[in-house]
């Protein structure tokens, strides 16, 4: 290896552009605020129903093992409303830039070879054995499908089901009741979608911890990785 190649291989490489890092951390803060405030709101009625009506003394579809607490609802609703719009606007900004720049298709759309049954089975086996996907290469097919599911499915469902619980919004758009089958149905779907997002977050954190957390955190904070330029080229990774 020549001196030029050695110097090139030792250089920290670009991992995430600035807009990805900013939207990532804003969404992280907003989601944590939504989680805390949503739990506070849930304590006022820790029972889930299907249809339009529901109450603490009514038969429930799901009964959560939580104590009823009406004292937390006020601040919880205020924080939830604020964090929700930050989450939505920040997510919309991410999606717009990702579409315009080609980031969504380039980084998150599964490649043809990743959709082969043998490749998918290998990724599933690796996850079942609690082996991380490896930080040096592209996202694997399960990661890509999970990210796309969050961005294109869970995000819109969370937004629309949350709006359905607002009397002001449903007065203007009663079609939301038809879409979700009632206000309480929307609340139940909202809760289940939130549970899936928490599951996604836990898996995401585990993958970070399993694949060099210091280097991955450095990449998401500074935009640069300690991995070598040569290693990135061999892995086929594209930071854009």
C-alpha atoms as a PDB file:
ATOM      1  CA  UNK A   1       0.000   0.000   0.000  1.00  0.00           C
ATOM      2  CA  UNK A   2       1.397   3.397  -0.957  1.00  0.00           C
ATOM      3  CA  UNK A   3       1.675   6.348   1.439  1.00  0.00           C
ATOM      4  CA  UNK A   4      -1.181   8.078  -0.382  1.00  0.00           C
ATOM      5  CA  UNK A   5      -3.441   5.063   0.076  1.00  0.00           C
ATOM      6  CA  UNK A   6      -2.460   4.818   3.743  1.00  0.00           C
ATOM      7  CA  UNK A   7      -3.282   8.481   4.370  1.00  0.00           C
ATOM      8  CA  UNK A   8      -6.560   8.069   2.535  1.00  0.00           C
ATOM      9  CA  UNK A   9      -7.497   4.967   4.556  1.00  0.00           C
ATOM     10  CA  UNK A  10      -6.826   6.720   7.859  1.00  0.00           C
ATOM     11  CA  UNK A  11      -9.044   9.686   7.078  1.00  0.00           C
ATOM     12  CA  UNK A  12     -12.372   9.837   8.908  1.00  0.00           C
ATOM     13  CA  UNK A  13     -15.128   9.551   6.334  1.00  0.00           C
ATOM     14  CA  UNK A  14     -18.426  11.338   5.939  1.00  0.00           C
ATOM     15  CA  UNK A  15     -21.314   9.266   7.285  1.00  0.00           C
ATOM     16  CA  UNK A  16     -24.474  11.400   7.537  1.00  0.00           C
ATOM     17  CA  UNK A  17     -25.231  14.777   5.915  1.00  0.00           C
ATOM     18  CA  UNK A  18     -26.183  17.673   8.192  1.00  0.00           C
ATOM     19  CA  UNK A  19     -29.909  17.571   7.365  1.00  0.00           C
ATOM     20  CA  UNK A  20     -30.123  13.893   8.351  1.00  0.00           C
ATOM     21  CA  UNK A  21     -28.387  14.546  11.672  1.00  0.00           C
ATOM     22  CA  UNK A  22     -30.530  17.571  12.536  1.00  0.00           C
ATOM     23  CA  UNK A  23     -33.846  15.898  11.717  1.00  0.00           C
ATOM     24  CA  UNK A  24     -32.743  12.736  13.544  1.00  0.00           C
ATOM     25  CA  UNK A  25     -32.043  14.544  16.832  1.00  0.00           C
ATOM     26  CA  UNK A  26     -35.102  16.792  16.610  1.00  0.00           C
ATOM     27  CA  UNK A  27     -37.264  13.711  16.046  1.00  0.00           C
ATOM     28  CA  UNK A  28     -35.554  11.936  18.949  1.00  0.00           C
ATOM     29  CA  UNK A  29     -36.375  14.780  21.347  1.00  0.00           C
ATOM     30  CA  UNK A  30     -39.929  15.152  20.020  1.00  0.00           C
ATOM     31  CA  UNK A  31     -40.609  11.409  20.235  1.00  0.00           C
ATOM     32  CA  UNK A  32     -39.387  11.200  23.837  1.00  0.00           C
ATOM     33  CA  UNK A  33     -41.664  14.145  24.725  1.00  0.00           C
ATOM     34  CA  UNK A  34     -44.563  12.403  22.963  1.00  0.00           C
ATOM     35  CA  UNK A  35     -43.837   9.179  24.845  1.00  0.00           C
ATOM     36  CA  UNK A  36     -43.803  10.837  28.278  1.00  0.00           C
ATOM     37  CA  UNK A  37     -46.837  13.044  27.641  1.00  0.00           C
ATOM     38  CA  UNK A  38     -48.764  10.242  25.935  1.00  0.00           C
ATOM     39  CA  UNK A  39     -48.264   8.035  28.988  1.00  0.00           C
ATOM     40  CA  UNK A  40     -49.556  10.838  31.221  1.00  0.00           C
ATOM     41  CA  UNK A  41     -52.677  11.162  29.043  1.00  0.00           C
ATOM     42  CA  UNK A  42     -53.183   7.400  28.987  1.00  0.00           C
ATOM     43  CA  UNK A  43     -53.385   7.287  32.799  1.00  0.00           C
ATOM     44  CA  UNK A  44     -56.674   9.187  32.673  1.00  0.00           C
ATOM     45  CA  UNK A  45     -58.258   6.247  30.814  1.00  0.00           C
ATOM     46  CA  UNK A  46     -55.993   3.161  30.766  1.00  0.00           C
ATOM     47  CA  UNK A  47     -58.560   1.157  28.807  1.00  0.00           C
ATOM     48  CA  UNK A  48     -58.855   0.795  25.036  1.00  0.00           C
ATOM     49  CA  UNK A  49     -62.161   0.532  23.182  1.00  0.00           C
ATOM     50  CA  UNK A  50     -63.434  -0.006  19.652  1.00  0.00           C
ATOM     51  CA  UNK A  51     -66.035   2.306  18.230  1.00  0.00           C
ATOM     52  CA  UNK A  52     -67.050   5.814  19.248  1.00  0.00           C
ATOM     53  CA  UNK A  53     -67.500   5.732  23.035  1.00  0.00           C
ATOM     54  CA  UNK A  54     -65.584   4.488  26.063  1.00  0.00           C
ATOM     55  CA  UNK A  55     -65.304   5.127  29.802  1.00  0.00           C
ATOM     56  CA  UNK A  56     -63.494   3.736  32.851  1.00  0.00           C
ATOM     57  CA  UNK A  57     -66.580   1.752  33.918  1.00  0.00           C
ATOM     58  CA  UNK A  58     -67.418   0.463  30.412  1.00  0.00           C
ATOM     59  CA  UNK A  59     -66.406  -2.927  28.963  1.00  0.00           C
ATOM     60  CA  UNK A  60     -63.044  -2.492  27.254  1.00  0.00           C
ATOM     61  CA  UNK A  61     -61.335  -4.244  24.370  1.00  0.00           C
ATOM     62  CA  UNK A  62     -57.938  -3.971  26.139  1.00  0.00           C
ATOM     63  CA  UNK A  63     -57.449  -3.209  29.840  1.00  0.00           C
ATOM     64  CA  UNK A  64     -53.968  -1.904  30.630  1.00  0.00           C
ATOM     65  CA  UNK A  65     -52.537  -2.682  34.112  1.00  0.00           C
ATOM     66  CA  UNK A  66     -52.129   0.997  34.999  1.00  0.00           C
ATOM     67  CA  UNK A  67     -53.605   3.114  37.807  1.00  0.00           C
ATOM     68  CA  UNK A  68     -56.155   5.792  36.896  1.00  0.00           C
ATOM     69  CA  UNK A  69     -54.650   9.250  37.431  1.00  0.00           C
ATOM     70  CA  UNK A  70     -56.541  12.343  36.291  1.00  0.00           C
ATOM     71  CA  UNK A  71     -53.960  14.804  37.633  1.00  0.00           C
ATOM     72  CA  UNK A  72     -51.492  14.420  34.762  1.00  0.00           C
ATOM     73  CA  UNK A  73     -53.790  15.065  31.827  1.00  0.00           C
ATOM     74  CA  UNK A  74     -53.452  18.874  31.607  1.00  0.00           C
ATOM     75  CA  UNK A  75     -49.713  19.232  31.147  1.00  0.00           C
ATOM     76  CA  UNK A  76     -49.654  15.949  29.232  1.00  0.00           C
ATOM     77  CA  UNK A  77     -52.063  17.221  26.567  1.00  0.00           C
ATOM     78  CA  UNK A  78     -50.239  20.538  26.208  1.00  0.00           C
ATOM     79  CA  UNK A  79     -46.834  18.883  25.789  1.00  0.00           C
ATOM     80  CA  UNK A  80     -48.250  16.197  23.514  1.00  0.00           C
ATOM     81  CA  UNK A  81     -49.804  18.757  21.183  1.00  0.00           C
ATOM     82  CA  UNK A  82     -46.580  20.776  20.971  1.00  0.00           C
ATOM     83  CA  UNK A  83     -44.305  17.770  20.488  1.00  0.00           C
ATOM     84  CA  UNK A  84     -46.661  16.220  17.933  1.00  0.00           C
ATOM     85  CA  UNK A  85     -46.446  19.171  15.570  1.00  0.00           C
ATOM     86  CA  UNK A  86     -42.676  19.362  15.953  1.00  0.00           C
ATOM     87  CA  UNK A  87     -42.526  15.647  15.143  1.00  0.00           C
ATOM     88  CA  UNK A  88     -44.838  16.008  12.126  1.00  0.00           C
ATOM     89  CA  UNK A  89     -43.201  19.108  10.628  1.00  0.00           C
ATOM     90  CA  UNK A  90     -39.695  17.762  11.186  1.00  0.00           C
ATOM     91  CA  UNK A  91     -40.678  14.408   9.676  1.00  0.00           C
ATOM     92  CA  UNK A  92     -42.244  16.120   6.672  1.00  0.00           C
ATOM     93  CA  UNK A  93     -39.037  18.119   6.160  1.00  0.00           C
ATOM     94  CA  UNK A  94     -36.971  14.922   6.300  1.00  0.00           C
ATOM     95  CA  UNK A  95     -39.243  13.164   3.814  1.00  0.00           C
ATOM     96  CA  UNK A  96     -39.212  16.118   1.409  1.00  0.00           C
ATOM     97  CA  UNK A  97     -35.417  16.394   1.386  1.00  0.00           C
ATOM     98  CA  UNK A  98     -35.043  12.607   1.205  1.00  0.00           C
ATOM     99  CA  UNK A  99     -37.275  12.467  -1.874  1.00  0.00           C
ATOM    100  CA  UNK A 100     -35.740  15.465  -3.651  1.00  0.00           C
ATOM    101  CA  UNK A 101     -32.147  14.390  -2.981  1.00  0.00           C
ATOM    102  CA  UNK A 102     -32.764  10.751  -3.865  1.00  0.00           C
ATOM    103  CA  UNK A 103     -31.725   9.696  -0.352  1.00  0.00           C
ATOM    104  CA  UNK A 104     -34.927   7.719   0.189  1.00  0.00           C
ATOM    105  CA  UNK A 105     -34.460   5.478  -2.845  1.00  0.00           C
ATOM    106  CA  UNK A 106     -30.674   5.314  -2.643  1.00  0.00           C
ATOM    107  CA  UNK A 107     -30.325   4.495   1.053  1.00  0.00           C
ATOM    108  CA  UNK A 108     -33.655   3.031   2.176  1.00  0.00           C
ATOM    109  CA  UNK A 109     -35.151   1.214  -0.810  1.00  0.00           C
ATOM    110  CA  UNK A 110     -34.097  -2.488  -0.792  1.00  0.00           C
ATOM    111  CA  UNK A 111     -31.638  -3.414  -3.528  1.00  0.00           C
ATOM    112  CA  UNK A 112     -32.538  -6.217  -5.898  1.00  0.00           C
ATOM    113  CA  UNK A 113     -30.070  -8.682  -4.398  1.00  0.00           C
ATOM    114  CA  UNK A 114     -31.432  -7.972  -0.891  1.00  0.00           C
ATOM    115  CA  UNK A 115     -34.903  -9.159  -1.901  1.00  0.00           C
ATOM    116  CA  UNK A 116     -33.705 -12.656  -2.807  1.00  0.00           C
ATOM    117  CA  UNK A 117     -35.172 -15.271  -0.427  1.00  0.00           C
ATOM    118  CA  UNK A 118     -31.712 -16.524   0.595  1.00  0.00           C
ATOM    119  CA  UNK A 119     -30.573 -13.003   1.471  1.00  0.00           C
ATOM    120  CA  UNK A 120     -33.739 -12.249   3.457  1.00  0.00           C
ATOM    121  CA  UNK A 121     -33.461 -15.563   5.334  1.00  0.00           C
ATOM    122  CA  UNK A 122     -29.831 -14.820   6.243  1.00  0.00           C
ATOM    123  CA  UNK A 123     -30.789 -11.399   7.644  1.00  0.00           C
ATOM    124  CA  UNK A 124     -33.620 -12.935   9.669  1.00  0.00           C
ATOM    125  CA  UNK A 125     -31.286 -15.601  11.111  1.00  0.00           C
ATOM    126  CA  UNK A 126     -28.738 -12.938  12.066  1.00  0.00           C
ATOM    127  CA  UNK A 127     -31.384 -10.925  13.918  1.00  0.00           C
ATOM    128  CA  UNK A 128     -32.815 -14.015  15.666  1.00  0.00           C
ATOM    129  CA  UNK A 129     -29.317 -14.831  16.942  1.00  0.00           C
ATOM    130  CA  UNK A 130     -29.012 -11.220  18.198  1.00  0.00           C
ATOM    131  CA  UNK A 131     -26.188 -10.501  15.783  1.00  0.00           C
ATOM    132  CA  UNK A 132     -26.072  -6.914  14.601  1.00  0.00           C
ATOM    133  CA  UNK A 133     -26.155  -6.135  10.878  1.00  0.00           C
ATOM    134  CA  UNK A 134     -22.666  -4.647  10.938  1.00  0.00           C
ATOM    135  CA  UNK A 135     -21.872  -0.955  10.867  1.00  0.00           C
ATOM    136  CA  UNK A 136     -19.487  -1.022   7.920  1.00  0.00           C
ATOM    137  CA  UNK A 137     -21.945  -1.683   5.083  1.00  0.00           C
ATOM    138  CA  UNK A 138     -25.317  -0.643   3.728  1.00  0.00           C
ATOM    139  CA  UNK A 139     -28.513  -1.100   5.687  1.00  0.00           C
ATOM    140  CA  UNK A 140     -29.795  -4.679   5.445  1.00  0.00           C
ATOM    141  CA  UNK A 141     -33.218  -5.478   4.045  1.00  0.00           C
ATOM    142  CA  UNK A 142     -34.920  -5.722   7.458  1.00  0.00           C
ATOM    143  CA  UNK A 143     -33.556  -2.321   8.453  1.00  0.00           C
ATOM    144  CA  UNK A 144     -34.697  -0.754   5.197  1.00  0.00           C
ATOM    145  CA  UNK A 145     -38.187  -2.227   5.443  1.00  0.00           C
ATOM    146  CA  UNK A 146     -38.446  -1.107   9.073  1.00  0.00           C
ATOM    147  CA  UNK A 147     -37.386   2.470   8.225  1.00  0.00           C
ATOM    148  CA  UNK A 148     -39.793   2.634   5.282  1.00  0.00           C
ATOM    149  CA  UNK A 149     -42.588   1.201   7.445  1.00  0.00           C
ATOM    150  CA  UNK A 150     -42.041   3.890  10.071  1.00  0.00           C
ATOM    151  CA  UNK A 151     -41.797   6.735   7.562  1.00  0.00           C
ATOM    152  CA  UNK A 152     -44.538   5.735   5.128  1.00  0.00           C
ATOM    153  CA  UNK A 153     -46.992   3.743   7.285  1.00  0.00           C
ATOM    154  CA  UNK A 154     -46.705   4.250  11.052  1.00  0.00           C
ATOM    155  CA  UNK A 155     -46.028   7.978  10.804  1.00  0.00           C
ATOM    156  CA  UNK A 156     -49.131   8.783   8.718  1.00  0.00           C
ATOM    157  CA  UNK A 157     -51.307   6.422  10.820  1.00  0.00           C
ATOM    158  CA  UNK A 158     -50.135   8.106  14.032  1.00  0.00           C
ATOM    159  CA  UNK A 159     -50.885  11.551  12.583  1.00  0.00           C
ATOM    160  CA  UNK A 160     -54.345  10.726  11.218  1.00  0.00           C
ATOM    161  CA  UNK A 161     -55.464   8.728  14.258  1.00  0.00           C
ATOM    162  CA  UNK A 162     -54.277  11.538  16.523  1.00  0.00           C
ATOM    163  CA  UNK A 163     -56.243  14.089  14.514  1.00  0.00           C
ATOM    164  CA  UNK A 164     -59.325  11.875  14.742  1.00  0.00           C
ATOM    165  CA  UNK A 165     -59.287  12.273  18.524  1.00  0.00           C
ATOM    166  CA  UNK A 166     -59.581  16.067  18.152  1.00  0.00           C
ATOM    167  CA  UNK A 167     -63.231  17.283  18.177  1.00  0.00           C
ATOM    168  CA  UNK A 168     -62.235  20.425  16.284  1.00  0.00           C
ATOM    169  CA  UNK A 169     -60.591  18.461  13.475  1.00  0.00           C
ATOM    170  CA  UNK A 170     -63.346  15.870  13.158  1.00  0.00           C
ATOM    171  CA  UNK A 171     -65.956  18.639  13.064  1.00  0.00           C
ATOM    172  CA  UNK A 172     -64.295  19.851   9.888  1.00  0.00           C
ATOM    173  CA  UNK A 173     -63.333  16.401   8.564  1.00  0.00           C
ATOM    174  CA  UNK A 174     -65.884  13.820   9.789  1.00  0.00           C
ATOM    175  CA  UNK A 175     -64.520  11.417   7.168  1.00  0.00           C
ATOM    176  CA  UNK A 176     -61.825  10.528   9.706  1.00  0.00           C
ATOM    177  CA  UNK A 177     -64.464   8.718  11.772  1.00  0.00           C
ATOM    178  CA  UNK A 178     -65.254   6.579   8.740  1.00  0.00           C
ATOM    179  CA  UNK A 179     -61.573   5.915   8.179  1.00  0.00           C
ATOM    180  CA  UNK A 180     -60.915   4.674  11.727  1.00  0.00           C
ATOM    181  CA  UNK A 181     -64.360   3.494  12.796  1.00  0.00           C
ATOM    182  CA  UNK A 182     -64.860   6.037  15.590  1.00  0.00           C
ATOM    183  CA  UNK A 183     -62.947   8.190  18.051  1.00  0.00           C
ATOM    184  CA  UNK A 184     -62.160   5.356  20.464  1.00  0.00           C
ATOM    185  CA  UNK A 185     -61.066   3.105  17.595  1.00  0.00           C
ATOM    186  CA  UNK A 186     -58.673   5.849  16.507  1.00  0.00           C
ATOM    187  CA  UNK A 187     -57.360   6.071  20.085  1.00  0.00           C
ATOM    188  CA  UNK A 188     -56.732   2.316  20.154  1.00  0.00           C
ATOM    189  CA  UNK A 189     -54.967   2.401  16.763  1.00  0.00           C
ATOM    190  CA  UNK A 190     -52.944   5.392  17.962  1.00  0.00           C
ATOM    191  CA  UNK A 191     -51.832   3.434  21.042  1.00  0.00           C
ATOM    192  CA  UNK A 192     -50.924   0.301  19.054  1.00  0.00           C
ATOM    193  CA  UNK A 193     -48.975   2.357  16.508  1.00  0.00           C
ATOM    194  CA  UNK A 194     -47.108   4.051  19.359  1.00  0.00           C
ATOM    195  CA  UNK A 195     -46.275   0.620  20.809  1.00  0.00           C
ATOM    196  CA  UNK A 196     -44.808  -0.433  17.449  1.00  0.00           C
ATOM    197  CA  UNK A 197     -42.744   2.759  17.324  1.00  0.00           C
ATOM    198  CA  UNK A 198     -41.391   2.042  20.823  1.00  0.00           C
ATOM    199  CA  UNK A 199     -40.480  -1.465  19.651  1.00  0.00           C
ATOM    200  CA  UNK A 200     -38.702   0.022  16.640  1.00  0.00           C
ATOM    201  CA  UNK A 201     -36.825   2.415  18.939  1.00  0.00           C
ATOM    202  CA  UNK A 202     -35.668  -0.408  21.235  1.00  0.00           C
ATOM    203  CA  UNK A 203     -34.397  -2.456  18.282  1.00  0.00           C
ATOM    204  CA  UNK A 204     -32.704   0.626  16.848  1.00  0.00           C
ATOM    205  CA  UNK A 205     -30.898   1.270  20.146  1.00  0.00           C
ATOM    206  CA  UNK A 206     -29.874  -2.392  20.374  1.00  0.00           C
ATOM    207  CA  UNK A 207     -28.381  -2.261  16.866  1.00  0.00           C
ATOM    208  CA  UNK A 208     -26.392   0.825  17.800  1.00  0.00           C
ATOM    209  CA  UNK A 209     -25.068  -0.860  20.956  1.00  0.00           C
ATOM    210  CA  UNK A 210     -24.203  -4.027  19.028  1.00  0.00           C
ATOM    211  CA  UNK A 211     -22.277  -2.314  16.228  1.00  0.00           C
ATOM    212  CA  UNK A 212     -19.797   0.125  17.712  1.00  0.00           C
ATOM    213  CA  UNK A 213     -21.907   2.673  19.595  1.00  0.00           C
ATOM    214  CA  UNK A 214     -19.131   5.264  19.962  1.00  0.00           C
ATOM    215  CA  UNK A 215     -18.421   5.356  16.240  1.00  0.00           C
ATOM    216  CA  UNK A 216     -22.117   5.378  15.312  1.00  0.00           C
ATOM    217  CA  UNK A 217     -22.853   8.174  17.776  1.00  0.00           C
ATOM    218  CA  UNK A 218     -19.896  10.118  16.420  1.00  0.00           C
ATOM    219  CA  UNK A 219     -21.271   9.684  12.906  1.00  0.00           C
ATOM    220  CA  UNK A 220     -24.719  10.950  13.910  1.00  0.00           C
ATOM    221  CA  UNK A 221     -23.304  13.926  15.851  1.00  0.00           C
ATOM    222  CA  UNK A 222     -20.349  15.077  13.748  1.00  0.00           C
ATOM    223  CA  UNK A 223     -21.269  13.440  10.454  1.00  0.00           C
ATOM    224  CA  UNK A 224     -17.962  11.589  10.294  1.00  0.00           C
ATOM    225  CA  UNK A 225     -17.019   8.024  11.086  1.00  0.00           C
ATOM    226  CA  UNK A 226     -13.725   6.647  12.380  1.00  0.00           C
ATOM    227  CA  UNK A 227     -13.994   3.884   9.807  1.00  0.00           C
ATOM    228  CA  UNK A 228     -11.621   4.213   6.896  1.00  0.00           C
ATOM    229  CA  UNK A 229     -12.372   5.624   3.483  1.00  0.00           C
ATOM    230  CA  UNK A 230     -11.036   2.421   1.951  1.00  0.00           C
ATOM    231  CA  UNK A 231     -13.289   0.325   4.164  1.00  0.00           C
ATOM    232  CA  UNK A 232     -16.287   2.380   3.121  1.00  0.00           C
ATOM    233  CA  UNK A 233     -15.445   1.942  -0.535  1.00  0.00           C
ATOM    234  CA  UNK A 234     -15.185  -1.830  -0.074  1.00  0.00           C
ATOM    235  CA  UNK A 235     -18.513  -1.926   1.744  1.00  0.00           C
ATOM    236  CA  UNK A 236     -20.318  -0.021  -0.980  1.00  0.00           C
ATOM    237  CA  UNK A 237     -21.640   2.517   1.503  1.00  0.00           C
ATOM    238  CA  UNK A 238     -22.928   5.808   0.131  1.00  0.00           C
ATOM    239  CA  UNK A 239     -23.180   8.553   2.802  1.00  0.00           C
ATOM    240  CA  UNK A 240     -25.481  10.824   0.831  1.00  0.00           C
END
